């Protein structure tokens, strides 16, 4: 099967998920997978592929404008093409489910049928910085979930995210972030820490940063993806009205050598606990050899015995 996975990734979280999807499709199912970054020029014939994947980070409970514009410009598929969507965000709030509503409609109009949707928690690139321990836990969890989700896709088991009351209206209102980001982006600045390495100019996905007469100029096409601010090695970029939310420095995603604990407000703490509890139960049920400390063994055994022999997952051979 030929699969095209198109994704946008601001600071690398969604890219890691896209590469994991590609790895599992290739190693487990011997599929021919092509990865495409939406910020590049699209030159493919969509009719050459049997399946399409769309990946993006959630921006204000919506897909970023670059993703919506990409979907609008996709050529019409001759035959109905099976499509899956995956997205990443820094918190497991149910409102993230509405981020794909507009994307699904745009794809459907071009004969791409979305049958599967998935969401993964990955560390914030704005609002606040997750601890290294939380970043490691998020990515370790996603790495184990993605093969299970790929298996659903391959076995034609449809999976759609839960609906949200008035979700379409909320998503429409929150899309003000698109024009708000463009307006705020004009107020980005560099401070005295800048050494003029021009990295921000080179990595901006919309080419919104230029240098005129030796001075940095931020235009009106900012996505607020935070790539420039997070990946600046000198922490020299001020992000306008949202500078207090800036997260500088890439996450390592490696297992920390020391125990770390991060405190959140009560709402987020409960949301994270529920997210990881549900993920850990699914992982423990499908990977009997993986020990999940947070999963009560009696609860795990009860869940595992509910799976009939014919529906038990086949042994997966990919690297964890």
C-alpha atoms as a PDB file:
ATOM      1  CA  UNK A   1       0.000   0.000   0.000  1.00  0.00           C
ATOM      2  CA  UNK A   2       1.239   3.485  -0.849  1.00  0.00           C
ATOM      3  CA  UNK A   3       0.634   6.001   1.920  1.00  0.00           C
ATOM      4  CA  UNK A   4       1.205   9.759   1.885  1.00  0.00           C
ATOM      5  CA  UNK A   5       1.565  11.402   5.309  1.00  0.00           C
ATOM      6  CA  UNK A   6       1.389  15.188   5.172  1.00  0.00           C
ATOM      7  CA  UNK A   7       2.108  17.115   8.339  1.00  0.00           C
ATOM      8  CA  UNK A   8       2.901  20.476   9.801  1.00  0.00           C
ATOM      9  CA  UNK A   9       5.044  20.658  12.904  1.00  0.00           C
ATOM     10  CA  UNK A  10       5.960  23.899  14.624  1.00  0.00           C
ATOM     11  CA  UNK A  11       8.692  22.755  16.991  1.00  0.00           C
ATOM     12  CA  UNK A  12       8.961  19.039  16.225  1.00  0.00           C
ATOM     13  CA  UNK A  13       6.274  17.263  18.286  1.00  0.00           C
ATOM     14  CA  UNK A  14       3.982  16.414  15.377  1.00  0.00           C
ATOM     15  CA  UNK A  15       6.988  15.538  13.242  1.00  0.00           C
ATOM     16  CA  UNK A  16       8.001  12.887  15.780  1.00  0.00           C
ATOM     17  CA  UNK A  17       4.486  11.432  15.636  1.00  0.00           C
ATOM     18  CA  UNK A  18       4.484  11.484  11.812  1.00  0.00           C
ATOM     19  CA  UNK A  19       7.825   9.695  11.686  1.00  0.00           C
ATOM     20  CA  UNK A  20       6.556   7.093  14.163  1.00  0.00           C
ATOM     21  CA  UNK A  21       3.499   6.447  11.996  1.00  0.00           C
ATOM     22  CA  UNK A  22       5.757   6.031   8.969  1.00  0.00           C
ATOM     23  CA  UNK A  23       8.091   3.708  10.854  1.00  0.00           C
ATOM     24  CA  UNK A  24       5.278   1.379  11.937  1.00  0.00           C
ATOM     25  CA  UNK A  25       3.595   1.310   8.522  1.00  0.00           C
ATOM     26  CA  UNK A  26       6.940   0.445   6.927  1.00  0.00           C
ATOM     27  CA  UNK A  27       8.350  -2.072   9.414  1.00  0.00           C
ATOM     28  CA  UNK A  28       5.170  -3.861  10.466  1.00  0.00           C
ATOM     29  CA  UNK A  29       3.154  -3.807   7.263  1.00  0.00           C
ATOM     30  CA  UNK A  30       5.800  -3.223   4.575  1.00  0.00           C
ATOM     31  CA  UNK A  31       3.913  -0.232   3.216  1.00  0.00           C
ATOM     32  CA  UNK A  32       5.465   2.354   0.929  1.00  0.00           C
ATOM     33  CA  UNK A  33       5.279   5.587   2.941  1.00  0.00           C
ATOM     34  CA  UNK A  34       6.065   9.130   1.839  1.00  0.00           C
ATOM     35  CA  UNK A  35       6.412  11.908   4.415  1.00  0.00           C
ATOM     36  CA  UNK A  36       5.667  15.476   3.329  1.00  0.00           C
ATOM     37  CA  UNK A  37       6.049  18.727   5.267  1.00  0.00           C
ATOM     38  CA  UNK A  38       3.183  21.086   4.454  1.00  0.00           C
ATOM     39  CA  UNK A  39       5.438  24.140   4.404  1.00  0.00           C
ATOM     40  CA  UNK A  40       7.116  22.781   1.247  1.00  0.00           C
ATOM     41  CA  UNK A  41       5.801  22.860  -2.317  1.00  0.00           C
ATOM     42  CA  UNK A  42       3.344  20.030  -2.979  1.00  0.00           C
ATOM     43  CA  UNK A  43       4.216  18.241  -6.222  1.00  0.00           C
ATOM     44  CA  UNK A  44       2.586  14.826  -5.748  1.00  0.00           C
ATOM     45  CA  UNK A  45      -0.295  13.255  -7.616  1.00  0.00           C
ATOM     46  CA  UNK A  46      -2.735  12.241  -4.879  1.00  0.00           C
ATOM     47  CA  UNK A  47      -4.099   9.509  -7.108  1.00  0.00           C
ATOM     48  CA  UNK A  48      -0.782   7.665  -6.827  1.00  0.00           C
ATOM     49  CA  UNK A  49      -1.538   6.887  -3.166  1.00  0.00           C
ATOM     50  CA  UNK A  50      -3.942   4.484  -1.501  1.00  0.00           C
ATOM     51  CA  UNK A  51      -4.167   6.345   1.814  1.00  0.00           C
ATOM     52  CA  UNK A  52      -3.603   9.845   3.142  1.00  0.00           C
ATOM     53  CA  UNK A  53      -2.504  10.908   6.628  1.00  0.00           C
ATOM     54  CA  UNK A  54      -2.800  14.485   7.950  1.00  0.00           C
ATOM     55  CA  UNK A  55      -0.915  15.582  11.081  1.00  0.00           C
ATOM     56  CA  UNK A  56      -0.742  18.906  12.909  1.00  0.00           C
ATOM     57  CA  UNK A  57      -0.387  20.587  16.329  1.00  0.00           C
ATOM     58  CA  UNK A  58      -3.590  21.979  17.810  1.00  0.00           C
ATOM     59  CA  UNK A  59      -3.717  25.789  17.775  1.00  0.00           C
ATOM     60  CA  UNK A  60      -6.506  27.232  19.931  1.00  0.00           C
ATOM     61  CA  UNK A  61      -8.582  24.056  19.464  1.00  0.00           C
ATOM     62  CA  UNK A  62      -8.174  24.272  15.674  1.00  0.00           C
ATOM     63  CA  UNK A  63      -5.828  23.106  12.977  1.00  0.00           C
ATOM     64  CA  UNK A  64      -3.260  25.806  12.109  1.00  0.00           C
ATOM     65  CA  UNK A  65      -4.118  27.951   9.111  1.00  0.00           C
ATOM     66  CA  UNK A  66      -1.284  26.389   7.091  1.00  0.00           C
ATOM     67  CA  UNK A  67      -3.045  23.019   7.448  1.00  0.00           C
ATOM     68  CA  UNK A  68      -6.441  24.358   6.373  1.00  0.00           C
ATOM     69  CA  UNK A  69      -4.872  26.128   3.397  1.00  0.00           C
ATOM     70  CA  UNK A  70      -3.065  22.937   2.446  1.00  0.00           C
ATOM     71  CA  UNK A  71      -6.318  20.973   2.514  1.00  0.00           C
ATOM     72  CA  UNK A  72      -8.062  23.639   0.427  1.00  0.00           C
ATOM     73  CA  UNK A  73      -5.390  23.332  -2.261  1.00  0.00           C
ATOM     74  CA  UNK A  74      -5.298  19.540  -2.372  1.00  0.00           C
ATOM     75  CA  UNK A  75      -6.237  18.239  -5.822  1.00  0.00           C
ATOM     76  CA  UNK A  76      -9.483  16.315  -6.152  1.00  0.00           C
ATOM     77  CA  UNK A  77      -8.967  12.574  -5.717  1.00  0.00           C
ATOM     78  CA  UNK A  78     -10.458  10.446  -8.504  1.00  0.00           C
ATOM     79  CA  UNK A  79     -11.434   7.677  -6.112  1.00  0.00           C
ATOM     80  CA  UNK A  80     -12.545   8.000  -2.489  1.00  0.00           C
ATOM     81  CA  UNK A  81      -9.297   7.862  -0.519  1.00  0.00           C
ATOM     82  CA  UNK A  82      -9.141   6.576   3.045  1.00  0.00           C
ATOM     83  CA  UNK A  83      -7.670   9.224   5.333  1.00  0.00           C
ATOM     84  CA  UNK A  84      -6.552   9.404   8.953  1.00  0.00           C
ATOM     85  CA  UNK A  85      -5.842  12.480  11.055  1.00  0.00           C
ATOM     86  CA  UNK A  86      -3.506  12.774  14.036  1.00  0.00           C
ATOM     87  CA  UNK A  87      -2.808  15.830  16.134  1.00  0.00           C
ATOM     88  CA  UNK A  88      -0.763  16.815  19.162  1.00  0.00           C
ATOM     89  CA  UNK A  89      -1.340  19.270  21.996  1.00  0.00           C
ATOM     90  CA  UNK A  90       0.071  20.083  25.391  1.00  0.00           C
ATOM     91  CA  UNK A  91      -3.018  19.067  27.341  1.00  0.00           C
ATOM     92  CA  UNK A  92      -5.639  16.301  27.059  1.00  0.00           C
ATOM     93  CA  UNK A  93      -8.727  18.502  27.130  1.00  0.00           C
ATOM     94  CA  UNK A  94     -11.725  17.189  25.176  1.00  0.00           C
ATOM     95  CA  UNK A  95     -11.983  20.516  23.352  1.00  0.00           C
ATOM     96  CA  UNK A  96      -8.972  19.428  21.296  1.00  0.00           C
ATOM     97  CA  UNK A  97     -11.341  17.021  19.526  1.00  0.00           C
ATOM     98  CA  UNK A  98     -12.971  19.892  17.642  1.00  0.00           C
ATOM     99  CA  UNK A  99      -9.704  20.851  15.958  1.00  0.00           C
ATOM    100  CA  UNK A 100     -10.322  18.503  13.032  1.00  0.00           C
ATOM    101  CA  UNK A 101     -13.910  19.522  12.223  1.00  0.00           C
ATOM    102  CA  UNK A 102     -12.977  22.034   9.527  1.00  0.00           C
ATOM    103  CA  UNK A 103     -10.199  19.800   8.196  1.00  0.00           C
ATOM    104  CA  UNK A 104     -12.569  16.848   7.783  1.00  0.00           C
ATOM    105  CA  UNK A 105     -15.022  18.964   5.773  1.00  0.00           C
ATOM    106  CA  UNK A 106     -12.298  20.294   3.493  1.00  0.00           C
ATOM    107  CA  UNK A 107     -10.933  16.811   2.872  1.00  0.00           C
ATOM    108  CA  UNK A 108     -14.382  15.335   2.237  1.00  0.00           C
ATOM    109  CA  UNK A 109     -15.026  17.948  -0.436  1.00  0.00           C
ATOM    110  CA  UNK A 110     -11.910  16.650  -2.226  1.00  0.00           C
ATOM    111  CA  UNK A 111     -12.987  12.987  -1.993  1.00  0.00           C
ATOM    112  CA  UNK A 112     -10.814  12.107   1.024  1.00  0.00           C
ATOM    113  CA  UNK A 113     -12.809  10.110   3.563  1.00  0.00           C
ATOM    114  CA  UNK A 114     -11.597  10.525   7.147  1.00  0.00           C
ATOM    115  CA  UNK A 115     -12.187   7.271   9.007  1.00  0.00           C
ATOM    116  CA  UNK A 116      -9.715   7.578  11.873  1.00  0.00           C
ATOM    117  CA  UNK A 117      -8.665  10.409  14.207  1.00  0.00           C
ATOM    118  CA  UNK A 118      -6.097  10.325  16.986  1.00  0.00           C
ATOM    119  CA  UNK A 119      -4.796  12.793  19.547  1.00  0.00           C
ATOM    120  CA  UNK A 120      -1.536  12.602  21.513  1.00  0.00           C
ATOM    121  CA  UNK A 121      -0.310  14.735  24.382  1.00  0.00           C
ATOM    122  CA  UNK A 122       3.104  16.224  23.716  1.00  0.00           C
ATOM    123  CA  UNK A 123       4.913  18.964  25.654  1.00  0.00           C
ATOM    124  CA  UNK A 124       3.849  22.587  25.267  1.00  0.00           C
ATOM    125  CA  UNK A 125       5.858  24.981  23.129  1.00  0.00           C
ATOM    126  CA  UNK A 126       4.023  27.906  24.718  1.00  0.00           C
ATOM    127  CA  UNK A 127       2.012  28.702  27.884  1.00  0.00           C
ATOM    128  CA  UNK A 128       4.459  26.880  30.212  1.00  0.00           C
ATOM    129  CA  UNK A 129       7.326  24.417  29.969  1.00  0.00           C
ATOM    130  CA  UNK A 130       6.735  20.791  30.844  1.00  0.00           C
ATOM    131  CA  UNK A 131       9.365  19.041  32.923  1.00  0.00           C
ATOM    132  CA  UNK A 132      11.782  16.671  31.213  1.00  0.00           C
ATOM    133  CA  UNK A 133      10.077  13.810  33.029  1.00  0.00           C
ATOM    134  CA  UNK A 134       6.675  14.780  31.631  1.00  0.00           C
ATOM    135  CA  UNK A 135       8.077  15.226  28.102  1.00  0.00           C
ATOM    136  CA  UNK A 136       9.610  11.760  28.318  1.00  0.00           C
ATOM    137  CA  UNK A 137       6.383  10.248  29.603  1.00  0.00           C
ATOM    138  CA  UNK A 138       4.304  11.908  26.890  1.00  0.00           C
ATOM    139  CA  UNK A 139       6.513  10.728  24.053  1.00  0.00           C
ATOM    140  CA  UNK A 140       6.989   7.238  25.515  1.00  0.00           C
ATOM    141  CA  UNK A 141       3.214   6.910  25.710  1.00  0.00           C
ATOM    142  CA  UNK A 142       2.668   8.152  22.148  1.00  0.00           C
ATOM    143  CA  UNK A 143       5.328   5.766  20.832  1.00  0.00           C
ATOM    144  CA  UNK A 144       3.382   2.833  22.249  1.00  0.00           C
ATOM    145  CA  UNK A 145      -0.041   4.108  21.212  1.00  0.00           C
ATOM    146  CA  UNK A 146       0.761   4.824  17.565  1.00  0.00           C
ATOM    147  CA  UNK A 147       1.377   1.160  16.595  1.00  0.00           C
ATOM    148  CA  UNK A 148      -1.988   0.250  18.114  1.00  0.00           C
ATOM    149  CA  UNK A 149      -3.629   3.048  16.135  1.00  0.00           C
ATOM    150  CA  UNK A 150      -1.904   1.967  12.935  1.00  0.00           C
ATOM    151  CA  UNK A 151      -3.233  -1.533  13.518  1.00  0.00           C
ATOM    152  CA  UNK A 152      -6.770  -0.126  13.755  1.00  0.00           C
ATOM    153  CA  UNK A 153      -6.256   1.715  10.488  1.00  0.00           C
ATOM    154  CA  UNK A 154      -4.906  -1.359   8.731  1.00  0.00           C
ATOM    155  CA  UNK A 155      -7.756  -3.532  10.013  1.00  0.00           C
ATOM    156  CA  UNK A 156     -10.355  -0.964   8.877  1.00  0.00           C
ATOM    157  CA  UNK A 157     -11.508  -0.299  12.432  1.00  0.00           C
ATOM    158  CA  UNK A 158     -12.851   3.245  12.352  1.00  0.00           C
ATOM    159  CA  UNK A 159     -11.969   5.572  15.217  1.00  0.00           C
ATOM    160  CA  UNK A 160     -13.348   9.102  15.558  1.00  0.00           C
ATOM    161  CA  UNK A 161     -12.787  11.434  18.475  1.00  0.00           C
ATOM    162  CA  UNK A 162     -15.742  12.165  20.753  1.00  0.00           C
ATOM    163  CA  UNK A 163     -18.002  15.032  19.754  1.00  0.00           C
ATOM    164  CA  UNK A 164     -18.220  18.235  21.787  1.00  0.00           C
ATOM    165  CA  UNK A 165     -21.436  20.149  22.407  1.00  0.00           C
ATOM    166  CA  UNK A 166     -21.507  23.218  20.126  1.00  0.00           C
ATOM    167  CA  UNK A 167     -18.084  22.118  18.899  1.00  0.00           C
ATOM    168  CA  UNK A 168     -18.428  23.654  15.433  1.00  0.00           C
ATOM    169  CA  UNK A 169     -19.371  27.045  16.878  1.00  0.00           C
ATOM    170  CA  UNK A 170     -16.551  26.975  19.431  1.00  0.00           C
ATOM    171  CA  UNK A 171     -14.035  26.026  16.751  1.00  0.00           C
ATOM    172  CA  UNK A 172     -15.298  28.832  14.504  1.00  0.00           C
ATOM    173  CA  UNK A 173     -14.921  31.396  17.295  1.00  0.00           C
ATOM    174  CA  UNK A 174     -11.460  30.154  18.270  1.00  0.00           C
ATOM    175  CA  UNK A 175     -10.213  30.428  14.696  1.00  0.00           C
ATOM    176  CA  UNK A 176      -9.737  34.096  15.519  1.00  0.00           C
ATOM    177  CA  UNK A 177      -6.281  32.822  16.566  1.00  0.00           C
ATOM    178  CA  UNK A 178      -5.369  32.665  12.901  1.00  0.00           C
ATOM    179  CA  UNK A 179      -5.702  36.395  12.237  1.00  0.00           C
ATOM    180  CA  UNK A 180      -4.730  37.190  15.828  1.00  0.00           C
ATOM    181  CA  UNK A 181      -1.474  35.313  15.350  1.00  0.00           C
ATOM    182  CA  UNK A 182      -0.717  37.248  12.187  1.00  0.00           C
ATOM    183  CA  UNK A 183      -1.352  40.527  14.018  1.00  0.00           C
ATOM    184  CA  UNK A 184       0.670  39.531  17.078  1.00  0.00           C
ATOM    185  CA  UNK A 185       3.488  38.243  14.889  1.00  0.00           C
ATOM    186  CA  UNK A 186       4.171  41.780  13.706  1.00  0.00           C
ATOM    187  CA  UNK A 187       5.116  42.598  17.297  1.00  0.00           C
ATOM    188  CA  UNK A 188       7.833  39.954  17.575  1.00  0.00           C
ATOM    189  CA  UNK A 189      11.267  41.412  18.280  1.00  0.00           C
ATOM    190  CA  UNK A 190      14.843  40.334  18.863  1.00  0.00           C
ATOM    191  CA  UNK A 191      16.728  41.613  21.887  1.00  0.00           C
ATOM    192  CA  UNK A 192      20.362  42.230  22.731  1.00  0.00           C
ATOM    193  CA  UNK A 193      21.037  38.488  23.101  1.00  0.00           C
ATOM    194  CA  UNK A 194      20.770  38.046  19.329  1.00  0.00           C
ATOM    195  CA  UNK A 195      24.079  37.143  17.609  1.00  0.00           C
ATOM    196  CA  UNK A 196      22.628  37.406  14.062  1.00  0.00           C
ATOM    197  CA  UNK A 197      23.002  33.723  13.262  1.00  0.00           C
ATOM    198  CA  UNK A 198      19.823  34.117  11.156  1.00  0.00           C
ATOM    199  CA  UNK A 199      18.529  30.704  12.210  1.00  0.00           C
ATOM    200  CA  UNK A 200      15.052  32.134  12.791  1.00  0.00           C
ATOM    201  CA  UNK A 201      14.985  33.465   9.229  1.00  0.00           C
ATOM    202  CA  UNK A 202      15.919  30.079   7.800  1.00  0.00           C
ATOM    203  CA  UNK A 203      13.476  27.946   9.824  1.00  0.00           C
ATOM    204  CA  UNK A 204      10.308  30.074   9.704  1.00  0.00           C
ATOM    205  CA  UNK A 205       7.708  27.951   7.870  1.00  0.00           C
ATOM    206  CA  UNK A 206       6.013  30.967   6.265  1.00  0.00           C
ATOM    207  CA  UNK A 207       9.185  32.984   5.565  1.00  0.00           C
ATOM    208  CA  UNK A 208       7.765  35.665   7.817  1.00  0.00           C
ATOM    209  CA  UNK A 209      11.144  36.831   9.147  1.00  0.00           C
ATOM    210  CA  UNK A 210      13.410  38.923   6.955  1.00  0.00           C
ATOM    211  CA  UNK A 211      16.405  41.196   7.435  1.00  0.00           C
ATOM    212  CA  UNK A 212      16.319  44.699   6.022  1.00  0.00           C
ATOM    213  CA  UNK A 213      19.246  47.089   6.479  1.00  0.00           C
ATOM    214  CA  UNK A 214      20.661  44.761   9.105  1.00  0.00           C
ATOM    215  CA  UNK A 215      17.452  44.763  11.148  1.00  0.00           C
ATOM    216  CA  UNK A 216      15.014  41.923  11.688  1.00  0.00           C
ATOM    217  CA  UNK A 217      11.524  42.450  10.325  1.00  0.00           C
ATOM    218  CA  UNK A 218       8.547  40.288  11.320  1.00  0.00           C
ATOM    219  CA  UNK A 219       5.755  40.361   8.760  1.00  0.00           C
ATOM    220  CA  UNK A 220       2.041  39.656   8.856  1.00  0.00           C
ATOM    221  CA  UNK A 221       2.086  35.945   8.043  1.00  0.00           C
ATOM    222  CA  UNK A 222       2.976  34.510  11.452  1.00  0.00           C
ATOM    223  CA  UNK A 223       1.417  31.177  12.506  1.00  0.00           C
ATOM    224  CA  UNK A 224       2.536  31.539  16.127  1.00  0.00           C
ATOM    225  CA  UNK A 225       4.010  28.064  15.784  1.00  0.00           C
ATOM    226  CA  UNK A 226       6.771  29.269  18.146  1.00  0.00           C
ATOM    227  CA  UNK A 227       9.507  27.572  16.142  1.00  0.00           C
ATOM    228  CA  UNK A 228      11.690  30.673  16.060  1.00  0.00           C
ATOM    229  CA  UNK A 229      11.278  31.422  19.771  1.00  0.00           C
ATOM    230  CA  UNK A 230      11.739  27.888  21.086  1.00  0.00           C
ATOM    231  CA  UNK A 231      14.661  26.938  18.877  1.00  0.00           C
ATOM    232  CA  UNK A 232      16.612  30.184  19.271  1.00  0.00           C
ATOM    233  CA  UNK A 233      19.841  29.196  20.983  1.00  0.00           C
ATOM    234  CA  UNK A 234      20.186  32.620  22.596  1.00  0.00           C
ATOM    235  CA  UNK A 235      16.574  33.034  23.779  1.00  0.00           C
ATOM    236  CA  UNK A 236      16.622  36.317  21.885  1.00  0.00           C
ATOM    237  CA  UNK A 237      13.112  36.468  20.440  1.00  0.00           C
ATOM    238  CA  UNK A 238      10.288  38.265  22.201  1.00  0.00           C
ATOM    239  CA  UNK A 239       6.885  36.961  21.091  1.00  0.00           C
ATOM    240  CA  UNK A 240       4.726  40.071  21.330  1.00  0.00           C
ATOM    241  CA  UNK A 241       1.748  39.992  23.672  1.00  0.00           C
ATOM    242  CA  UNK A 242       2.421  36.350  24.529  1.00  0.00           C
ATOM    243  CA  UNK A 243       6.045  36.689  25.554  1.00  0.00           C
ATOM    244  CA  UNK A 244       5.216  35.557  29.104  1.00  0.00           C
ATOM    245  CA  UNK A 245       4.037  32.251  27.598  1.00  0.00           C
ATOM    246  CA  UNK A 246       7.252  31.680  25.659  1.00  0.00           C
ATOM    247  CA  UNK A 247       8.997  28.322  26.032  1.00  0.00           C
ATOM    248  CA  UNK A 248      12.642  28.430  24.961  1.00  0.00           C
ATOM    249  CA  UNK A 249      14.835  25.428  24.276  1.00  0.00           C
ATOM    250  CA  UNK A 250      14.033  22.105  22.625  1.00  0.00           C
ATOM    251  CA  UNK A 251      12.908  19.157  24.757  1.00  0.00           C
ATOM    252  CA  UNK A 252      15.279  16.198  24.943  1.00  0.00           C
ATOM    253  CA  UNK A 253      12.612  13.469  25.367  1.00  0.00           C
ATOM    254  CA  UNK A 254      15.257  11.330  27.069  1.00  0.00           C
ATOM    255  CA  UNK A 255      14.541   9.611  30.357  1.00  0.00           C
ATOM    256  CA  UNK A 256      15.643  12.004  33.125  1.00  0.00           C
ATOM    257  CA  UNK A 257      18.343  10.798  35.497  1.00  0.00           C
ATOM    258  CA  UNK A 258      16.626  12.329  38.510  1.00  0.00           C
ATOM    259  CA  UNK A 259      13.029  12.076  39.645  1.00  0.00           C
ATOM    260  CA  UNK A 260      11.041  15.169  38.751  1.00  0.00           C
ATOM    261  CA  UNK A 261       7.596  16.318  39.707  1.00  0.00           C
ATOM    262  CA  UNK A 262       5.639  19.106  38.104  1.00  0.00           C
ATOM    263  CA  UNK A 263       2.672  20.779  39.740  1.00  0.00           C
ATOM    264  CA  UNK A 264      -0.295  21.941  37.660  1.00  0.00           C
ATOM    265  CA  UNK A 265      -3.557  23.554  38.593  1.00  0.00           C
ATOM    266  CA  UNK A 266      -6.221  21.133  39.764  1.00  0.00           C
ATOM    267  CA  UNK A 267      -8.073  20.959  36.437  1.00  0.00           C
ATOM    268  CA  UNK A 268      -4.988  20.078  34.398  1.00  0.00           C
ATOM    269  CA  UNK A 269      -3.676  17.644  37.004  1.00  0.00           C
ATOM    270  CA  UNK A 270      -6.914  15.689  36.858  1.00  0.00           C
ATOM    271  CA  UNK A 271      -6.923  15.790  33.039  1.00  0.00           C
ATOM    272  CA  UNK A 272      -3.366  14.484  32.780  1.00  0.00           C
ATOM    273  CA  UNK A 273      -4.042  11.748  35.322  1.00  0.00           C
ATOM    274  CA  UNK A 274      -7.121  10.586  33.396  1.00  0.00           C
ATOM    275  CA  UNK A 275      -5.274  10.692  30.070  1.00  0.00           C
ATOM    276  CA  UNK A 276      -2.340   8.618  31.281  1.00  0.00           C
ATOM    277  CA  UNK A 277      -4.578   6.223  33.191  1.00  0.00           C
ATOM    278  CA  UNK A 278      -6.556   5.450  30.019  1.00  0.00           C
ATOM    279  CA  UNK A 279      -3.398   5.231  27.894  1.00  0.00           C
ATOM    280  CA  UNK A 280      -1.600   3.010  30.407  1.00  0.00           C
ATOM    281  CA  UNK A 281      -4.531   0.611  30.563  1.00  0.00           C
ATOM    282  CA  UNK A 282      -4.627   0.312  26.791  1.00  0.00           C
ATOM    283  CA  UNK A 283      -0.862  -0.182  26.636  1.00  0.00           C
ATOM    284  CA  UNK A 284      -0.833  -2.777  29.397  1.00  0.00           C
ATOM    285  CA  UNK A 285      -3.662  -4.689  27.742  1.00  0.00           C
ATOM    286  CA  UNK A 286      -1.923  -4.796  24.373  1.00  0.00           C
ATOM    287  CA  UNK A 287       1.687  -5.143  25.509  1.00  0.00           C
ATOM    288  CA  UNK A 288       1.681  -7.816  28.246  1.00  0.00           C
ATOM    289  CA  UNK A 289       5.475  -7.625  28.505  1.00  0.00           C
ATOM    290  CA  UNK A 290       5.467  -3.901  29.251  1.00  0.00           C
ATOM    291  CA  UNK A 291       5.198  -3.106  32.943  1.00  0.00           C
ATOM    292  CA  UNK A 292       3.131  -0.012  33.641  1.00  0.00           C
ATOM    293  CA  UNK A 293       3.561   0.953  37.321  1.00  0.00           C
ATOM    294  CA  UNK A 294       0.411   3.085  37.328  1.00  0.00           C
ATOM    295  CA  UNK A 295      -1.832   0.205  36.209  1.00  0.00           C
ATOM    296  CA  UNK A 296      -3.406  -1.844  38.946  1.00  0.00           C
ATOM    297  CA  UNK A 297      -2.628  -5.474  38.067  1.00  0.00           C
ATOM    298  CA  UNK A 298      -6.050  -6.763  39.088  1.00  0.00           C
ATOM    299  CA  UNK A 299      -7.667  -4.103  36.902  1.00  0.00           C
ATOM    300  CA  UNK A 300      -5.339  -4.996  34.033  1.00  0.00           C
ATOM    301  CA  UNK A 301      -6.108  -8.706  34.277  1.00  0.00           C
ATOM    302  CA  UNK A 302      -9.833  -7.970  34.312  1.00  0.00           C
ATOM    303  CA  UNK A 303      -9.485  -5.916  31.133  1.00  0.00           C
ATOM    304  CA  UNK A 304      -7.252  -8.475  29.442  1.00  0.00           C
ATOM    305  CA  UNK A 305      -9.614 -11.390  30.093  1.00  0.00           C
ATOM    306  CA  UNK A 306     -12.426  -9.514  28.345  1.00  0.00           C
ATOM    307  CA  UNK A 307     -10.600  -9.864  25.034  1.00  0.00           C
ATOM    308  CA  UNK A 308     -11.589 -13.035  23.197  1.00  0.00           C
ATOM    309  CA  UNK A 309      -8.831 -15.159  21.687  1.00  0.00           C
ATOM    310  CA  UNK A 310      -9.775 -14.173  18.147  1.00  0.00           C
ATOM    311  CA  UNK A 311      -9.628 -10.465  18.988  1.00  0.00           C
ATOM    312  CA  UNK A 312      -6.410 -10.514  20.994  1.00  0.00           C
ATOM    313  CA  UNK A 313      -3.722  -8.370  19.378  1.00  0.00           C
ATOM    314  CA  UNK A 314      -1.120 -10.150  17.340  1.00  0.00           C
ATOM    315  CA  UNK A 315       2.438  -9.979  18.617  1.00  0.00           C
ATOM    316  CA  UNK A 316       4.022  -6.758  17.460  1.00  0.00           C
ATOM    317  CA  UNK A 317       7.691  -6.848  16.502  1.00  0.00           C
ATOM    318  CA  UNK A 318       8.536  -3.169  16.132  1.00  0.00           C
ATOM    319  CA  UNK A 319      10.997  -1.473  18.427  1.00  0.00           C
ATOM    320  CA  UNK A 320       9.558   0.154  21.518  1.00  0.00           C
END
